[in-house]
Amino acid sequence: MTEEEKNGQAAEPVEPETAEGAADVDAAPASEQDIEDAIGAEADEAVAGVESESEELAKAKQEVADWQNKYLRLHAEWDTYRRRMNEQREQEKARATEKLVGDLLPVLDDFERTIDYAEKNGTDNLLGGVEAVYAKLVNTLTTDGVEVIDPAGEPFDALQHQAVATVPDTETYDETVAAVYQKGYKMGGKVLRPAMVTVTTGGPKRPAEDEGAEE
């Protein structure tokens, strides 16, 4: 009789470990340390992402600050340039005025001498003196680039003439300057004062070629 029979029970066979059993062991719940490690890794990754975003934000803020500084610097330079240009224009204007006044002072002297002469010797030669002073004044203005607008007999030009009245005239071309009531002046192509004129009306139309020749 065997030992098993003596003990009154049969020995149970030992089954070998199967693959499913091994899988069950592998699939066992992670340990507390593993969980802490995973959470720590995720936290580190999140912190790294926040730090990266913070660096990008700081860089963007710095770029904005740089552009603001550039704008302020350019704005200051533009203000300085504009102020300098205004000062130069004012200086040039003052110099031009000083030159014109300086050129007119001799004319003023002539007027004073003419008046003094008329007071001492009567007015017989006053006209000749005034005419001489007038000619000198016109010559001074011409030297400074001033041109007289005296358009009697010329086609009316609204850019240089100001019509104060119309004169019926059936024989003269329509819109011709009949008379100059007050001369005009221009300088450097700019009209300082238009000539005040009377203009004909009711006459024949001016030929196109004549208008082109006048232009």
N, C-alpha and C. Protein backbone atom coordinates (compact mmCIF):
# COMPACT_ATOMS: atom_id res chain seq x y z
N MET A 1 0.88 -1.18 0.00
CA MET A 1 0.00 0.00 0.00
C MET A 1 0.91 1.21 0.00
N THR A 2 0.50 2.20 -0.82
CA THR A 2 1.32 3.42 -0.94
C THR A 2 1.07 4.32 0.23
N GLU A 3 1.93 5.34 0.28
CA GLU A 3 1.81 6.32 1.38
C GLU A 3 0.52 7.09 1.27
N GLU A 4 0.13 7.39 0.01
CA GLU A 4 -1.11 8.14 -0.22
C GLU A 4 -2.30 7.31 0.25
N GLU A 5 -2.23 5.99 -0.04
CA GLU A 5 -3.34 5.14 0.37
C GLU A 5 -3.39 5.04 1.87
N LYS A 6 -2.21 5.05 2.50
CA LYS A 6 -2.20 5.01 3.94
C LYS A 6 -2.86 6.24 4.52
N ASN A 7 -2.62 7.36 3.92
CA ASN A 7 -3.22 8.61 4.44
C ASN A 7 -4.69 8.73 4.06
N GLY A 8 -5.15 7.85 3.27
CA GLY A 8 -6.57 7.79 2.93
C GLY A 8 -7.00 8.78 1.86
N GLN A 9 -6.05 9.47 1.17
CA GLN A 9 -6.47 10.40 0.08
C GLN A 9 -5.42 10.35 -1.01
N ALA A 10 -5.89 10.61 -2.17
CA ALA A 10 -5.00 10.57 -3.33
C ALA A 10 -4.34 11.93 -3.51
N ALA A 11 -3.12 11.89 -3.98
CA ALA A 11 -2.40 13.17 -4.21
C ALA A 11 -2.95 13.87 -5.44
N GLU A 12 -3.14 15.21 -5.28
CA GLU A 12 -3.69 16.01 -6.42
C GLU A 12 -2.55 16.35 -7.38
N PRO A 13 -2.79 16.17 -8.65
CA PRO A 13 -1.74 16.49 -9.64
C PRO A 13 -1.43 17.99 -9.66
N VAL A 14 -0.20 18.36 -9.84
CA VAL A 14 0.22 19.79 -9.92
C VAL A 14 0.17 20.22 -11.37
N GLU A 15 -0.65 21.26 -11.61
CA GLU A 15 -0.79 21.75 -12.99
C GLU A 15 0.31 22.77 -13.30
N PRO A 16 0.89 22.68 -14.48
CA PRO A 16 1.94 23.67 -14.86
C PRO A 16 1.33 25.06 -15.04
N GLU A 17 2.17 26.13 -14.83
CA GLU A 17 1.69 27.54 -14.97
C GLU A 17 1.41 27.83 -16.43
N THR A 18 0.25 28.32 -16.70
CA THR A 18 -0.16 28.62 -18.09
C THR A 18 0.18 30.06 -18.45
N ALA A 19 0.04 30.39 -19.75
CA ALA A 19 0.28 31.76 -20.25
C ALA A 19 -0.72 32.73 -19.69
N GLU A 20 -1.97 32.24 -19.49
CA GLU A 20 -3.01 33.13 -18.97
C GLU A 20 -2.68 33.54 -17.56
N GLY A 21 -2.12 32.62 -16.81
CA GLY A 21 -1.74 32.96 -15.46
C GLY A 21 -0.66 34.01 -15.43
N ALA A 22 0.31 33.87 -16.34
CA ALA A 22 1.39 34.87 -16.42
C ALA A 22 0.84 36.23 -16.79
N ALA A 23 -0.15 36.22 -17.69
CA ALA A 23 -0.76 37.49 -18.12
C ALA A 23 -1.47 38.14 -16.97
N ASP A 24 -2.13 37.30 -16.14
CA ASP A 24 -2.84 37.87 -14.99
C ASP A 24 -1.88 38.54 -14.04
N VAL A 25 -0.70 37.96 -13.93
CA VAL A 25 0.31 38.56 -13.05
C VAL A 25 0.78 39.89 -13.59
N ASP A 26 1.02 39.92 -14.94
CA ASP A 26 1.47 41.18 -15.57
C ASP A 26 0.41 42.25 -15.45
N ALA A 27 -0.87 41.87 -15.52
CA ALA A 27 -1.95 42.85 -15.53
C ALA A 27 -2.33 43.26 -14.13
N ALA A 28 -1.56 42.92 -13.20
CA ALA A 28 -1.87 43.28 -11.82
C ALA A 28 -1.80 44.79 -11.66
N PRO A 29 -2.53 45.38 -10.78
CA PRO A 29 -2.56 46.84 -10.58
C PRO A 29 -1.17 47.37 -10.30
N ALA A 30 -0.87 48.63 -10.89
CA ALA A 30 0.43 49.25 -10.69
C ALA A 30 0.60 49.60 -9.23
N SER A 31 1.83 49.63 -8.85
CA SER A 31 2.10 49.95 -7.46
C SER A 31 1.95 51.44 -7.22
N GLU A 32 1.90 51.84 -5.98
CA GLU A 32 1.75 53.26 -5.62
C GLU A 32 2.93 54.07 -6.12
N GLN A 33 4.11 53.47 -6.13
CA GLN A 33 5.31 54.18 -6.61
C GLN A 33 5.22 54.48 -8.10
N ASP A 34 4.69 53.45 -8.84
CA ASP A 34 4.54 53.66 -10.28
C ASP A 34 3.59 54.80 -10.57
N ILE A 35 2.49 54.86 -9.81
CA ILE A 35 1.51 55.93 -10.01
C ILE A 35 2.14 57.29 -9.72
N GLU A 36 2.89 57.37 -8.64
CA GLU A 36 3.54 58.63 -8.29
C GLU A 36 4.53 59.05 -9.37
N ASP A 37 5.26 58.06 -9.90
CA ASP A 37 6.23 58.38 -10.96
C ASP A 37 5.53 58.92 -12.20
N ALA A 38 4.39 58.30 -12.58
CA ALA A 38 3.65 58.74 -13.76
C ALA A 38 3.11 60.15 -13.57
N ILE A 39 2.55 60.40 -12.37
CA ILE A 39 2.02 61.74 -12.09
C ILE A 39 3.14 62.77 -12.11
N GLY A 40 4.28 62.39 -11.55
CA GLY A 40 5.42 63.31 -11.53
C GLY A 40 5.89 63.65 -12.93
N ALA A 41 5.91 62.63 -13.82
CA ALA A 41 6.34 62.86 -15.20
C ALA A 41 5.39 63.82 -15.91
N GLU A 42 4.08 63.58 -15.72
CA GLU A 42 3.10 64.47 -16.35
C GLU A 42 3.22 65.89 -15.81
N ALA A 43 3.45 65.99 -14.51
CA ALA A 43 3.59 67.32 -13.91
C ALA A 43 4.82 68.03 -14.47
N ASP A 44 5.93 67.28 -14.61
CA ASP A 44 7.14 67.88 -15.17
C ASP A 44 6.90 68.36 -16.59
N GLU A 45 6.17 67.55 -17.37
CA GLU A 45 5.87 67.92 -18.75
C GLU A 45 5.01 69.18 -18.81
N ALA A 46 4.01 69.24 -17.90
CA ALA A 46 3.14 70.42 -17.86
C ALA A 46 3.92 71.66 -17.48
N VAL A 47 4.80 71.52 -16.49
CA VAL A 47 5.62 72.66 -16.05
C VAL A 47 6.52 73.12 -17.19
N ALA A 48 7.10 72.16 -17.92
CA ALA A 48 7.96 72.51 -19.04
C ALA A 48 7.18 73.28 -20.10
N GLY A 49 5.92 72.83 -20.36
CA GLY A 49 5.09 73.53 -21.33
C GLY A 49 4.77 74.94 -20.90
N VAL A 50 4.46 75.10 -19.61
CA VAL A 50 4.16 76.44 -19.08
C VAL A 50 5.38 77.34 -19.17
N GLU A 51 6.54 76.79 -18.83
CA GLU A 51 7.77 77.58 -18.91
C GLU A 51 8.05 78.01 -20.35
N SER A 52 7.81 77.09 -21.31
CA SER A 52 8.02 77.42 -22.72
C SER A 52 7.08 78.54 -23.16
N GLU A 53 5.79 78.43 -22.76
CA GLU A 53 4.83 79.48 -23.10
C GLU A 53 5.21 80.80 -22.44
N SER A 54 5.71 80.72 -21.21
CA SER A 54 6.12 81.94 -20.51
C SER A 54 7.28 82.60 -21.23
N GLU A 55 8.22 81.79 -21.72
CA GLU A 55 9.35 82.34 -22.46
C GLU A 55 8.88 83.00 -23.76
N GLU A 56 7.95 82.34 -24.47
CA GLU A 56 7.43 82.91 -25.71
C GLU A 56 6.68 84.21 -25.43
N LEU A 57 5.90 84.23 -24.34
CA LEU A 57 5.17 85.45 -23.97
C LEU A 57 6.13 86.58 -23.63
N ALA A 58 7.17 86.24 -22.89
CA ALA A 58 8.17 87.26 -22.54
C ALA A 58 8.87 87.79 -23.79
N LYS A 59 9.15 86.88 -24.73
CA LYS A 59 9.79 87.29 -25.98
C LYS A 59 8.86 88.20 -26.77
N ALA A 60 7.58 87.84 -26.83
CA ALA A 60 6.61 88.67 -27.55
C ALA A 60 6.50 90.05 -26.91
N LYS A 61 6.46 90.09 -25.58
CA LYS A 61 6.39 91.38 -24.87
C LYS A 61 7.62 92.22 -25.16
N GLN A 62 8.77 91.58 -25.23
CA GLN A 62 10.00 92.31 -25.51
C GLN A 62 9.98 92.89 -26.92
N GLU A 63 9.46 92.09 -27.88
CA GLU A 63 9.35 92.58 -29.25
C GLU A 63 8.41 93.78 -29.33
N VAL A 64 7.29 93.69 -28.61
CA VAL A 64 6.35 94.82 -28.58
C VAL A 64 7.03 96.06 -28.00
N ALA A 65 7.76 95.87 -26.92
CA ALA A 65 8.47 96.99 -26.29
C ALA A 65 9.50 97.58 -27.25
N ASP A 66 10.20 96.71 -28.00
CA ASP A 66 11.19 97.19 -28.96
C ASP A 66 10.54 98.03 -30.05
N TRP A 67 9.39 97.56 -30.58
CA TRP A 67 8.68 98.30 -31.61
C TRP A 67 8.15 99.63 -31.08
N GLN A 68 7.69 99.61 -29.83
CA GLN A 68 7.22 100.86 -29.23
C GLN A 68 8.37 101.86 -29.10
N ASN A 69 9.52 101.37 -28.71
CA ASN A 69 10.69 102.25 -28.59
C ASN A 69 11.09 102.81 -29.96
N LYS A 70 11.05 101.93 -30.99
CA LYS A 70 11.37 102.38 -32.34
C LYS A 70 10.38 103.44 -32.80
N TYR A 71 9.09 103.22 -32.53
CA TYR A 71 8.07 104.19 -32.92
C TYR A 71 8.30 105.53 -32.23
N LEU A 72 8.56 105.48 -30.92
CA LEU A 72 8.78 106.72 -30.18
C LEU A 72 10.02 107.45 -30.70
N ARG A 73 11.05 106.68 -31.03
CA ARG A 73 12.28 107.29 -31.54
C ARG A 73 12.04 107.94 -32.90
N LEU A 74 11.33 107.21 -33.80
CA LEU A 74 11.02 107.77 -35.11
C LEU A 74 10.11 108.98 -35.00
N HIS A 75 9.15 108.91 -34.09
CA HIS A 75 8.24 110.04 -33.89
C HIS A 75 9.01 111.27 -33.42
N ALA A 76 9.95 111.06 -32.52
CA ALA A 76 10.76 112.17 -32.02
C ALA A 76 11.64 112.74 -33.15
N GLU A 77 12.21 111.84 -33.96
CA GLU A 77 13.04 112.30 -35.08
C GLU A 77 12.20 113.08 -36.09
N TRP A 78 10.96 112.60 -36.35
CA TRP A 78 10.08 113.29 -37.29
C TRP A 78 9.72 114.67 -36.76
N ASP A 79 9.43 114.78 -35.46
CA ASP A 79 9.11 116.07 -34.86
C ASP A 79 10.29 117.03 -34.99
N THR A 80 11.48 116.49 -34.75
CA THR A 80 12.68 117.33 -34.87
C THR A 80 12.87 117.80 -36.31
N TYR A 81 12.69 116.87 -37.27
CA TYR A 81 12.83 117.22 -38.68
C TYR A 81 11.80 118.26 -39.09
N ARG A 82 10.55 118.07 -38.69
CA ARG A 82 9.49 119.00 -39.05
C ARG A 82 9.75 120.38 -38.45
N ARG A 83 10.19 120.41 -37.20
CA ARG A 83 10.49 121.68 -36.54
C ARG A 83 11.65 122.39 -37.25
N ARG A 84 12.66 121.59 -37.66
CA ARG A 84 13.79 122.18 -38.37
C ARG A 84 13.36 122.77 -39.71
N MET A 85 12.50 122.01 -40.44
CA MET A 85 12.02 122.50 -41.72
C MET A 85 11.19 123.77 -41.56
N ASN A 86 10.36 123.82 -40.53
CA ASN A 86 9.56 125.02 -40.28
C ASN A 86 10.46 126.21 -39.97
N GLU A 87 11.49 125.96 -39.18
CA GLU A 87 12.42 127.03 -38.85
C GLU A 87 13.16 127.52 -40.10
N GLN A 88 13.55 126.58 -40.97
CA GLN A 88 14.24 126.97 -42.20
C GLN A 88 13.33 127.78 -43.10
N ARG A 89 12.05 127.35 -43.20
CA ARG A 89 11.11 128.11 -44.03
C ARG A 89 10.91 129.52 -43.48
N GLU A 90 10.78 129.61 -42.17
CA GLU A 90 10.61 130.93 -41.56
C GLU A 90 11.85 131.80 -41.79
N GLN A 91 13.02 131.19 -41.70
CA GLN A 91 14.25 131.94 -41.93
C GLN A 91 14.35 132.40 -43.38
N GLU A 92 13.99 131.50 -44.32
CA GLU A 92 14.02 131.87 -45.73
C GLU A 92 13.01 132.97 -46.03
N LYS A 93 11.84 132.86 -45.42
CA LYS A 93 10.82 133.89 -45.60
C LYS A 93 11.30 135.22 -45.06
N ALA A 94 11.92 135.17 -43.88
CA ALA A 94 12.43 136.40 -43.28
C ALA A 94 13.53 137.02 -44.15
N ARG A 95 14.42 136.16 -44.69
CA ARG A 95 15.49 136.68 -45.55
C ARG A 95 14.92 137.32 -46.81
N ALA A 96 13.90 136.66 -47.40
CA ALA A 96 13.29 137.21 -48.61
C ALA A 96 12.62 138.55 -48.31
N THR A 97 11.94 138.63 -47.17
CA THR A 97 11.29 139.88 -46.79
C THR A 97 12.33 140.97 -46.54
N GLU A 98 13.40 140.59 -45.84
CA GLU A 98 14.46 141.56 -45.56
C GLU A 98 15.06 142.08 -46.86
N LYS A 99 15.26 141.18 -47.83
CA LYS A 99 15.84 141.60 -49.11
C LYS A 99 14.91 142.57 -49.83
N LEU A 100 13.61 142.24 -49.86
CA LEU A 100 12.66 143.09 -50.55
C LEU A 100 12.58 144.46 -49.88
N VAL A 101 12.51 144.46 -48.55
CA VAL A 101 12.46 145.74 -47.83
C VAL A 101 13.74 146.54 -48.07
N GLY A 102 14.87 145.83 -48.06
CA GLY A 102 16.13 146.52 -48.32
C GLY A 102 16.16 147.13 -49.71
N ASP A 103 15.59 146.41 -50.70
CA ASP A 103 15.55 146.95 -52.06
C ASP A 103 14.60 148.14 -52.18
N LEU A 104 13.57 148.18 -51.32
CA LEU A 104 12.57 149.25 -51.41
C LEU A 104 12.98 150.50 -50.62
N LEU A 105 13.96 150.38 -49.74
CA LEU A 105 14.36 151.54 -48.95
C LEU A 105 14.85 152.70 -49.81
N PRO A 106 15.64 152.46 -50.86
CA PRO A 106 16.03 153.59 -51.72
C PRO A 106 14.82 154.27 -52.37
N VAL A 107 13.81 153.47 -52.72
CA VAL A 107 12.60 154.05 -53.29
C VAL A 107 11.91 154.95 -52.27
N LEU A 108 11.87 154.50 -51.02
CA LEU A 108 11.30 155.31 -49.95
C LEU A 108 12.08 156.61 -49.79
N ASP A 109 13.39 156.52 -49.90
CA ASP A 109 14.21 157.73 -49.82
C ASP A 109 13.86 158.70 -50.94
N ASP A 110 13.64 158.16 -52.15
CA ASP A 110 13.29 159.02 -53.29
C ASP A 110 11.94 159.70 -53.06
N PHE A 111 10.98 158.97 -52.49
CA PHE A 111 9.69 159.58 -52.18
C PHE A 111 9.88 160.76 -51.21
N GLU A 112 10.69 160.56 -50.20
CA GLU A 112 10.92 161.62 -49.21
C GLU A 112 11.59 162.83 -49.85
N ARG A 113 12.55 162.59 -50.73
CA ARG A 113 13.22 163.70 -51.40
C ARG A 113 12.26 164.44 -52.33
N THR A 114 11.38 163.66 -53.01
CA THR A 114 10.41 164.29 -53.91
C THR A 114 9.44 165.17 -53.12
N ILE A 115 8.96 164.66 -52.00
CA ILE A 115 8.04 165.44 -51.17
C ILE A 115 8.74 166.70 -50.63
N ASP A 116 9.97 166.53 -50.19
CA ASP A 116 10.73 167.67 -49.67
C ASP A 116 10.94 168.72 -50.76
N TYR A 117 11.25 168.26 -51.96
CA TYR A 117 11.45 169.19 -53.07
C TYR A 117 10.17 169.93 -53.40
N ALA A 118 9.03 169.21 -53.41
CA ALA A 118 7.75 169.85 -53.72
C ALA A 118 7.39 170.89 -52.67
N GLU A 119 7.69 170.61 -51.41
CA GLU A 119 7.37 171.57 -50.35
C GLU A 119 8.21 172.85 -50.47
N LYS A 120 9.44 172.73 -50.95
CA LYS A 120 10.33 173.89 -51.04
C LYS A 120 10.19 174.64 -52.34
N ASN A 121 9.86 173.95 -53.42
CA ASN A 121 9.89 174.57 -54.75
C ASN A 121 8.54 174.56 -55.46
N GLY A 122 7.47 174.13 -54.78
CA GLY A 122 6.19 174.07 -55.44
C GLY A 122 5.98 172.72 -56.11
N THR A 123 4.86 172.60 -56.82
CA THR A 123 4.48 171.30 -57.39
C THR A 123 4.66 171.22 -58.90
N ASP A 124 5.32 172.19 -59.49
CA ASP A 124 5.45 172.19 -60.95
C ASP A 124 6.18 170.94 -61.45
N ASN A 125 7.22 170.54 -60.75
CA ASN A 125 8.01 169.38 -61.19
C ASN A 125 7.69 168.12 -60.38
N LEU A 126 6.59 168.18 -59.61
CA LEU A 126 6.26 167.03 -58.77
C LEU A 126 5.93 165.80 -59.60
N LEU A 127 5.20 166.00 -60.71
CA LEU A 127 4.81 164.85 -61.53
C LEU A 127 6.03 164.10 -62.05
N GLY A 128 7.01 164.85 -62.53
CA GLY A 128 8.21 164.19 -63.05
C GLY A 128 8.93 163.41 -61.97
N GLY A 129 8.96 163.95 -60.76
CA GLY A 129 9.62 163.25 -59.66
C GLY A 129 8.88 161.98 -59.27
N VAL A 130 7.54 162.07 -59.22
CA VAL A 130 6.75 160.88 -58.87
C VAL A 130 6.90 159.80 -59.93
N GLU A 131 6.90 160.21 -61.19
CA GLU A 131 7.06 159.23 -62.27
C GLU A 131 8.41 158.53 -62.18
N ALA A 132 9.43 159.29 -61.82
CA ALA A 132 10.77 158.70 -61.69
C ALA A 132 10.81 157.69 -60.54
N VAL A 133 10.17 158.05 -59.42
CA VAL A 133 10.13 157.13 -58.28
C VAL A 133 9.33 155.88 -58.63
N TYR A 134 8.23 156.07 -59.35
CA TYR A 134 7.39 154.92 -59.75
C TYR A 134 8.19 153.97 -60.65
N ALA A 135 8.91 154.53 -61.60
CA ALA A 135 9.71 153.70 -62.51
C ALA A 135 10.77 152.93 -61.72
N LYS A 136 11.34 153.58 -60.73
CA LYS A 136 12.37 152.91 -59.92
C LYS A 136 11.76 151.77 -59.10
N LEU A 137 10.56 152.00 -58.58
CA LEU A 137 9.88 150.96 -57.80
C LEU A 137 9.54 149.76 -58.67
N VAL A 138 9.02 150.02 -59.86
CA VAL A 138 8.69 148.93 -60.78
C VAL A 138 9.94 148.14 -61.14
N ASN A 139 11.03 148.84 -61.38
CA ASN A 139 12.29 148.17 -61.72
C ASN A 139 12.78 147.31 -60.56
N THR A 140 12.61 147.80 -59.33
CA THR A 140 13.02 147.02 -58.16
C THR A 140 12.21 145.74 -58.05
N LEU A 141 10.90 145.84 -58.22
CA LEU A 141 10.04 144.66 -58.14
C LEU A 141 10.34 143.68 -59.26
N THR A 142 10.62 144.20 -60.45
CA THR A 142 10.95 143.33 -61.59
C THR A 142 12.24 142.57 -61.32
N THR A 143 13.21 143.25 -60.72
CA THR A 143 14.47 142.60 -60.38
C THR A 143 14.26 141.47 -59.40
N ASP A 144 13.29 141.61 -58.50
CA ASP A 144 12.99 140.57 -57.51
C ASP A 144 12.05 139.50 -58.05
N GLY A 145 11.76 139.55 -59.37
CA GLY A 145 10.96 138.50 -59.99
C GLY A 145 9.47 138.77 -60.06
N VAL A 146 9.05 140.00 -59.77
CA VAL A 146 7.63 140.34 -59.83
C VAL A 146 7.28 140.77 -61.26
N GLU A 147 6.18 140.22 -61.80
CA GLU A 147 5.73 140.56 -63.14
C GLU A 147 4.39 141.29 -63.06
N VAL A 148 4.25 142.29 -63.91
CA VAL A 148 3.00 143.05 -63.97
C VAL A 148 2.02 142.34 -64.89
N ILE A 149 0.77 142.25 -64.47
CA ILE A 149 -0.30 141.69 -65.31
C ILE A 149 -1.11 142.87 -65.83
N ASP A 150 -0.90 143.21 -67.09
CA ASP A 150 -1.58 144.36 -67.72
C ASP A 150 -2.16 143.88 -69.05
N PRO A 151 -3.32 143.18 -69.02
CA PRO A 151 -3.79 142.42 -70.18
C PRO A 151 -4.76 143.14 -71.13
N ALA A 152 -4.67 144.44 -71.26
CA ALA A 152 -5.59 145.16 -72.15
C ALA A 152 -5.51 144.60 -73.57
N GLY A 153 -6.67 144.25 -74.15
CA GLY A 153 -6.73 143.72 -75.50
C GLY A 153 -6.47 142.23 -75.60
N GLU A 154 -6.14 141.58 -74.51
CA GLU A 154 -5.86 140.14 -74.53
C GLU A 154 -7.13 139.35 -74.19
N PRO A 155 -7.15 138.05 -74.55
CA PRO A 155 -8.30 137.21 -74.16
C PRO A 155 -8.41 137.14 -72.63
N PHE A 156 -9.63 137.11 -72.15
CA PHE A 156 -9.84 137.05 -70.70
C PHE A 156 -9.35 135.71 -70.17
N ASP A 157 -8.60 135.75 -69.08
CA ASP A 157 -8.05 134.56 -68.43
C ASP A 157 -8.48 134.58 -66.97
N ALA A 158 -9.39 133.67 -66.63
CA ALA A 158 -9.93 133.66 -65.27
C ALA A 158 -8.88 133.36 -64.21
N LEU A 159 -7.75 132.78 -64.62
CA LEU A 159 -6.70 132.46 -63.65
C LEU A 159 -5.87 133.69 -63.27
N GLN A 160 -5.86 134.72 -64.15
CA GLN A 160 -5.06 135.90 -63.89
C GLN A 160 -5.87 137.20 -63.87
N HIS A 161 -7.11 137.12 -64.34
CA HIS A 161 -7.93 138.33 -64.44
C HIS A 161 -9.19 138.20 -63.60
N GLN A 162 -9.66 139.31 -63.10
CA GLN A 162 -10.92 139.35 -62.36
C GLN A 162 -11.84 140.35 -63.04
N ALA A 163 -12.92 139.84 -63.64
CA ALA A 163 -13.85 140.70 -64.36
C ALA A 163 -14.73 141.47 -63.37
N VAL A 164 -14.74 142.80 -63.52
CA VAL A 164 -15.58 143.63 -62.65
C VAL A 164 -16.80 144.15 -63.39
N ALA A 165 -16.78 144.06 -64.74
CA ALA A 165 -17.93 144.51 -65.53
C ALA A 165 -17.77 143.99 -66.95
N THR A 166 -18.87 143.97 -67.69
CA THR A 166 -18.84 143.59 -69.10
C THR A 166 -19.17 144.81 -69.95
N VAL A 167 -18.60 144.85 -71.15
CA VAL A 167 -18.79 145.97 -72.07
C VAL A 167 -19.32 145.42 -73.39
N PRO A 168 -20.53 145.80 -73.81
CA PRO A 168 -21.06 145.33 -75.10
C PRO A 168 -20.18 145.81 -76.25
N ASP A 169 -19.79 144.90 -77.12
CA ASP A 169 -18.94 145.24 -78.26
C ASP A 169 -19.13 144.16 -79.31
N THR A 170 -19.79 144.54 -80.40
CA THR A 170 -20.10 143.54 -81.44
C THR A 170 -18.96 143.34 -82.43
N GLU A 171 -17.95 144.20 -82.38
CA GLU A 171 -16.86 144.12 -83.34
C GLU A 171 -15.63 143.40 -82.78
N THR A 172 -15.47 143.41 -81.48
CA THR A 172 -14.31 142.77 -80.85
C THR A 172 -14.67 141.35 -80.43
N TYR A 173 -13.68 140.48 -80.50
CA TYR A 173 -13.93 139.10 -80.08
C TYR A 173 -14.55 139.07 -78.68
N ASP A 174 -15.46 138.14 -78.51
CA ASP A 174 -16.13 137.98 -77.22
C ASP A 174 -15.10 137.61 -76.14
N GLU A 175 -15.33 138.11 -74.94
CA GLU A 175 -14.46 137.85 -73.78
C GLU A 175 -13.03 138.32 -74.02
N THR A 176 -12.91 139.54 -74.50
CA THR A 176 -11.62 140.21 -74.61
C THR A 176 -11.54 141.28 -73.53
N VAL A 177 -10.36 141.46 -72.97
CA VAL A 177 -10.19 142.49 -71.94
C VAL A 177 -10.30 143.86 -72.60
N ALA A 178 -11.35 144.60 -72.23
CA ALA A 178 -11.57 145.92 -72.82
C ALA A 178 -10.70 146.97 -72.15
N ALA A 179 -10.62 146.93 -70.85
CA ALA A 179 -9.81 147.90 -70.11
C ALA A 179 -9.35 147.29 -68.80
N VAL A 180 -8.23 147.81 -68.32
CA VAL A 180 -7.67 147.34 -67.05
C VAL A 180 -7.99 148.37 -65.97
N TYR A 181 -8.82 147.97 -65.04
CA TYR A 181 -9.19 148.86 -63.94
C TYR A 181 -8.07 148.93 -62.90
N GLN A 182 -7.42 147.80 -62.65
CA GLN A 182 -6.29 147.74 -61.71
C GLN A 182 -5.35 146.63 -62.14
N LYS A 183 -4.08 146.96 -62.30
CA LYS A 183 -3.11 145.97 -62.74
C LYS A 183 -2.94 144.85 -61.70
N GLY A 184 -2.57 143.69 -62.22
CA GLY A 184 -2.28 142.57 -61.33
C GLY A 184 -0.79 142.30 -61.28
N TYR A 185 -0.40 141.40 -60.39
CA TYR A 185 1.02 141.07 -60.25
C TYR A 185 1.16 139.57 -59.97
N LYS A 186 2.26 139.00 -60.47
CA LYS A 186 2.56 137.60 -60.20
C LYS A 186 4.06 137.45 -59.97
N MET A 187 4.41 136.37 -59.29
CA MET A 187 5.82 136.15 -58.96
C MET A 187 6.09 134.65 -58.97
N GLY A 188 7.08 134.25 -59.74
CA GLY A 188 7.41 132.84 -59.83
C GLY A 188 6.26 132.00 -60.37
N GLY A 189 5.45 132.56 -61.25
CA GLY A 189 4.31 131.84 -61.81
C GLY A 189 3.08 131.88 -60.93
N LYS A 190 3.19 132.41 -59.71
CA LYS A 190 2.05 132.49 -58.79
C LYS A 190 1.45 133.88 -58.85
N VAL A 191 0.13 133.93 -59.01
CA VAL A 191 -0.56 135.21 -59.08
C VAL A 191 -0.66 135.80 -57.68
N LEU A 192 -0.02 136.96 -57.49
CA LEU A 192 -0.11 137.65 -56.20
C LEU A 192 -1.42 138.41 -56.09
N ARG A 193 -1.84 139.00 -57.20
CA ARG A 193 -3.11 139.71 -57.25
C ARG A 193 -3.60 139.72 -58.70
N PRO A 194 -4.81 139.25 -58.97
CA PRO A 194 -5.30 139.27 -60.35
C PRO A 194 -5.58 140.70 -60.81
N ALA A 195 -5.49 140.90 -62.11
CA ALA A 195 -5.82 142.21 -62.67
C ALA A 195 -7.34 142.37 -62.70
N MET A 196 -7.83 143.53 -62.28
CA MET A 196 -9.27 143.81 -62.31
C MET A 196 -9.58 144.46 -63.65
N VAL A 197 -10.44 143.82 -64.44
CA VAL A 197 -10.65 144.24 -65.83
C VAL A 197 -12.13 144.28 -66.18
N THR A 198 -12.41 144.97 -67.31
CA THR A 198 -13.73 144.89 -67.93
C THR A 198 -13.59 144.00 -69.16
N VAL A 199 -14.65 143.27 -69.48
CA VAL A 199 -14.59 142.26 -70.54
C VAL A 199 -15.68 142.51 -71.57
N THR A 200 -15.32 142.36 -72.85
CA THR A 200 -16.30 142.56 -73.92
C THR A 200 -17.28 141.40 -73.99
N THR A 201 -18.46 141.71 -74.50
CA THR A 201 -19.48 140.68 -74.68
C THR A 201 -20.31 141.01 -75.90
N GLY A 202 -20.86 139.98 -76.54
CA GLY A 202 -21.71 140.19 -77.70
C GLY A 202 -20.99 140.15 -79.02
N GLY A 203 -19.67 139.99 -79.02
CA GLY A 203 -18.90 139.96 -80.25
C GLY A 203 -18.75 138.55 -80.79
N PRO A 204 -18.04 138.40 -81.92
CA PRO A 204 -17.84 137.07 -82.50
C PRO A 204 -16.95 136.21 -81.61
N LYS A 205 -17.12 134.91 -81.75
CA LYS A 205 -16.29 133.99 -80.99
C LYS A 205 -14.85 134.01 -81.51
N ARG A 206 -13.92 133.92 -80.61
CA ARG A 206 -12.51 133.93 -80.99
C ARG A 206 -12.15 132.60 -81.65
N PRO A 207 -11.43 132.62 -82.80
CA PRO A 207 -11.04 131.38 -83.47
C PRO A 207 -10.20 130.50 -82.54
N ALA A 208 -10.35 129.20 -82.72
CA ALA A 208 -9.64 128.26 -81.84
C ALA A 208 -8.14 128.42 -81.96
N GLU A 209 -7.62 128.69 -83.20
CA GLU A 209 -6.17 128.81 -83.36
C GLU A 209 -5.63 130.02 -82.62
N ASP A 210 -6.43 131.08 -82.53
CA ASP A 210 -5.99 132.26 -81.78
C ASP A 210 -5.91 131.95 -80.30
N GLU A 211 -6.89 131.18 -79.80
CA GLU A 211 -6.87 130.81 -78.39
C GLU A 211 -5.66 129.95 -78.08
N GLY A 212 -5.34 129.02 -79.02
CA GLY A 212 -4.18 128.16 -78.82
C GLY A 212 -2.89 128.96 -78.84
N ALA A 213 -2.82 129.97 -79.72
CA ALA A 213 -1.62 130.79 -79.80
C ALA A 213 -1.43 131.60 -78.53
N GLU A 214 -2.54 132.05 -77.95
CA GLU A 214 -2.45 132.82 -76.71
C GLU A 214 -1.96 131.95 -75.58
N GLU A 215 -2.42 130.68 -75.54
CA GLU A 215 -1.99 129.76 -74.50
C GLU A 215 -0.52 129.43 -74.64
